């Protein structure tokens, strides 16, 4: 479409947030294929110009 401005990917950050109660080493506590999928998708999104980060959300007991 002419005259339409596209958003710039560099202005956005995509955050993968994982809820876990795990006390083990982070992010190595993630299952292998979860780590693999994150890395592959993060590389792809970074290639498009997006900022990508991983965040741990601690699950509370209760």
N, C-alpha and C. Protein backbone atom coordinates (compact mmCIF):
# COMPACT_ATOMS: atom_id res chain seq x y z
N UNK A 1 0.85 -1.18 0.00
CA UNK A 1 0.00 0.00 0.00
C UNK A 1 0.88 1.23 0.00
N UNK A 2 0.61 2.09 -0.90
CA UNK A 2 1.38 3.32 -0.98
C UNK A 2 0.89 4.31 0.06
N UNK A 3 1.82 5.07 0.59
CA UNK A 3 1.46 6.09 1.57
C UNK A 3 1.33 5.56 2.99
N UNK A 4 1.41 4.24 3.16
CA UNK A 4 1.31 3.64 4.49
C UNK A 4 2.70 3.50 5.08
N UNK A 5 2.85 3.85 6.33
CA UNK A 5 4.12 3.67 7.01
C UNK A 5 4.12 2.34 7.74
N UNK A 6 5.18 1.59 7.59
CA UNK A 6 5.31 0.32 8.30
C UNK A 6 6.04 0.56 9.61
N UNK A 7 5.65 -0.16 10.67
CA UNK A 7 6.36 -0.01 11.93
C UNK A 7 7.79 -0.53 11.80
N UNK A 8 8.70 0.07 12.52
CA UNK A 8 10.10 -0.34 12.49
C UNK A 8 10.35 -1.41 13.56
N UNK A 9 10.80 -2.61 13.17
CA UNK A 9 11.03 -3.67 14.15
C UNK A 9 12.00 -3.28 15.26
N UNK A 10 12.94 -2.39 14.97
CA UNK A 10 13.91 -1.97 15.98
C UNK A 10 13.29 -1.22 17.14
N UNK A 11 12.04 -0.79 16.98
CA UNK A 11 11.34 -0.08 18.05
C UNK A 11 10.60 -1.03 18.99
N UNK A 12 10.70 -2.33 18.74
CA UNK A 12 9.93 -3.31 19.52
C UNK A 12 10.85 -4.37 20.11
N UNK A 13 10.44 -4.88 21.26
CA UNK A 13 11.15 -5.98 21.91
C UNK A 13 10.17 -7.11 22.13
N UNK A 14 10.56 -8.31 21.74
CA UNK A 14 9.74 -9.50 21.96
C UNK A 14 10.34 -10.23 23.15
N UNK A 15 9.51 -10.43 24.18
CA UNK A 15 9.97 -11.07 25.41
C UNK A 15 9.32 -12.44 25.53
N UNK A 16 10.16 -13.47 25.62
CA UNK A 16 9.68 -14.81 25.90
C UNK A 16 9.73 -14.96 27.42
N UNK A 17 8.57 -15.05 28.07
CA UNK A 17 8.49 -15.15 29.52
C UNK A 17 8.08 -16.57 29.91
N UNK A 18 8.87 -17.19 30.78
CA UNK A 18 8.65 -18.56 31.21
C UNK A 18 8.32 -18.56 32.70
N UNK A 19 7.18 -19.17 33.05
CA UNK A 19 6.80 -19.30 34.46
C UNK A 19 7.34 -20.64 34.95
N UNK A 20 8.15 -20.59 36.02
CA UNK A 20 8.74 -21.82 36.54
C UNK A 20 9.03 -21.69 38.03
N UNK A 21 8.93 -22.80 38.72
CA UNK A 21 9.29 -22.84 40.14
C UNK A 21 10.69 -23.44 40.30
N UNK A 22 11.30 -23.79 39.19
CA UNK A 22 12.59 -24.46 39.22
C UNK A 22 13.65 -23.60 39.91
N UNK A 23 14.42 -24.22 40.76
CA UNK A 23 15.51 -23.53 41.45
C UNK A 23 16.85 -23.82 40.78
N UNK A 24 16.80 -24.64 39.73
CA UNK A 24 18.04 -25.00 39.04
C UNK A 24 18.57 -23.82 38.25
N UNK A 25 19.72 -24.01 37.69
CA UNK A 25 20.38 -22.99 36.88
C UNK A 25 19.46 -22.53 35.75
N UNK A 26 19.36 -21.24 35.58
CA UNK A 26 18.47 -20.66 34.57
C UNK A 26 19.30 -20.09 33.44
N UNK A 27 19.02 -20.25 32.19
CA UNK A 27 17.90 -20.96 31.56
C UNK A 27 18.20 -22.42 31.24
N UNK A 28 19.32 -22.95 31.74
CA UNK A 28 19.66 -24.34 31.46
C UNK A 28 18.63 -25.31 32.03
N UNK A 29 17.78 -24.85 32.96
CA UNK A 29 16.75 -25.71 33.53
C UNK A 29 15.63 -26.00 32.52
N UNK A 30 15.58 -25.22 31.44
CA UNK A 30 14.58 -25.48 30.41
C UNK A 30 14.89 -26.80 29.71
N UNK A 31 13.86 -27.53 29.31
CA UNK A 31 14.10 -28.75 28.54
C UNK A 31 14.89 -28.44 27.26
N UNK A 32 15.65 -29.43 26.80
CA UNK A 32 16.53 -29.23 25.65
C UNK A 32 15.80 -28.66 24.44
N UNK A 33 14.66 -29.24 24.06
CA UNK A 33 13.98 -28.78 22.86
C UNK A 33 13.35 -27.40 23.04
N UNK A 34 13.02 -27.04 24.27
CA UNK A 34 12.55 -25.67 24.53
C UNK A 34 13.68 -24.68 24.31
N UNK A 35 14.88 -25.04 24.77
CA UNK A 35 16.05 -24.18 24.54
C UNK A 35 16.32 -24.05 23.05
N UNK A 36 16.28 -25.17 22.35
CA UNK A 36 16.54 -25.18 20.91
C UNK A 36 15.54 -24.30 20.17
N UNK A 37 14.25 -24.45 20.48
CA UNK A 37 13.23 -23.65 19.82
C UNK A 37 13.38 -22.17 20.13
N UNK A 38 13.72 -21.85 21.38
CA UNK A 38 13.93 -20.44 21.72
C UNK A 38 15.06 -19.84 20.90
N UNK A 39 16.20 -20.53 20.86
CA UNK A 39 17.36 -20.01 20.14
C UNK A 39 17.04 -19.82 18.66
N UNK A 40 16.40 -20.80 18.05
CA UNK A 40 16.07 -20.70 16.62
C UNK A 40 15.12 -19.54 16.35
N UNK A 41 14.09 -19.41 17.18
CA UNK A 41 13.13 -18.32 16.97
C UNK A 41 13.72 -16.96 17.30
N UNK A 42 14.56 -16.90 18.33
CA UNK A 42 15.20 -15.63 18.68
C UNK A 42 16.11 -15.16 17.54
N UNK A 43 16.85 -16.09 16.93
CA UNK A 43 17.71 -15.72 15.80
C UNK A 43 16.88 -15.22 14.63
N UNK A 44 15.78 -15.89 14.35
CA UNK A 44 14.92 -15.48 13.24
C UNK A 44 14.34 -14.08 13.49
N UNK A 45 13.81 -13.86 14.69
CA UNK A 45 13.23 -12.55 15.01
C UNK A 45 14.29 -11.46 15.02
N UNK A 46 15.48 -11.77 15.53
CA UNK A 46 16.58 -10.80 15.51
C UNK A 46 16.96 -10.46 14.07
N UNK A 47 16.91 -11.45 13.20
CA UNK A 47 17.20 -11.22 11.79
C UNK A 47 16.22 -10.27 11.14
N UNK A 48 15.00 -10.23 11.66
CA UNK A 48 13.99 -9.29 11.17
C UNK A 48 14.16 -7.90 11.78
N UNK A 49 15.07 -7.79 12.75
CA UNK A 49 15.35 -6.49 13.36
C UNK A 49 14.73 -6.27 14.73
N UNK A 50 14.02 -7.26 15.26
CA UNK A 50 13.41 -7.13 16.58
C UNK A 50 14.44 -7.38 17.67
N UNK A 51 14.26 -6.74 18.83
CA UNK A 51 15.04 -7.06 20.02
C UNK A 51 14.34 -8.26 20.67
N UNK A 52 15.11 -9.22 21.14
CA UNK A 52 14.54 -10.44 21.73
C UNK A 52 15.17 -10.68 23.09
N UNK A 53 14.34 -11.02 24.08
CA UNK A 53 14.88 -11.34 25.40
C UNK A 53 14.10 -12.50 26.02
N UNK A 54 14.71 -13.08 27.04
CA UNK A 54 14.13 -14.20 27.77
C UNK A 54 14.00 -13.77 29.23
N UNK A 55 12.83 -14.03 29.82
CA UNK A 55 12.56 -13.60 31.19
C UNK A 55 11.98 -14.77 31.98
N UNK A 56 12.46 -14.94 33.19
CA UNK A 56 11.93 -15.98 34.08
C UNK A 56 10.96 -15.34 35.06
N UNK A 57 9.77 -15.93 35.16
CA UNK A 57 8.78 -15.50 36.14
C UNK A 57 8.69 -16.61 37.17
N UNK A 58 9.03 -16.28 38.42
CA UNK A 58 9.03 -17.30 39.46
C UNK A 58 7.61 -17.64 39.89
N UNK A 59 7.29 -18.93 39.85
CA UNK A 59 5.98 -19.40 40.27
C UNK A 59 5.92 -19.42 41.79
N UNK A 60 4.89 -18.83 42.35
CA UNK A 60 4.73 -18.79 43.80
C UNK A 60 3.96 -20.02 44.27
N UNK A 61 4.33 -20.55 45.42
CA UNK A 61 3.60 -21.67 46.01
C UNK A 61 2.25 -21.16 46.51
N UNK A 62 1.25 -22.01 46.37
CA UNK A 62 -0.03 -21.59 46.92
C UNK A 62 -1.13 -22.08 46.19
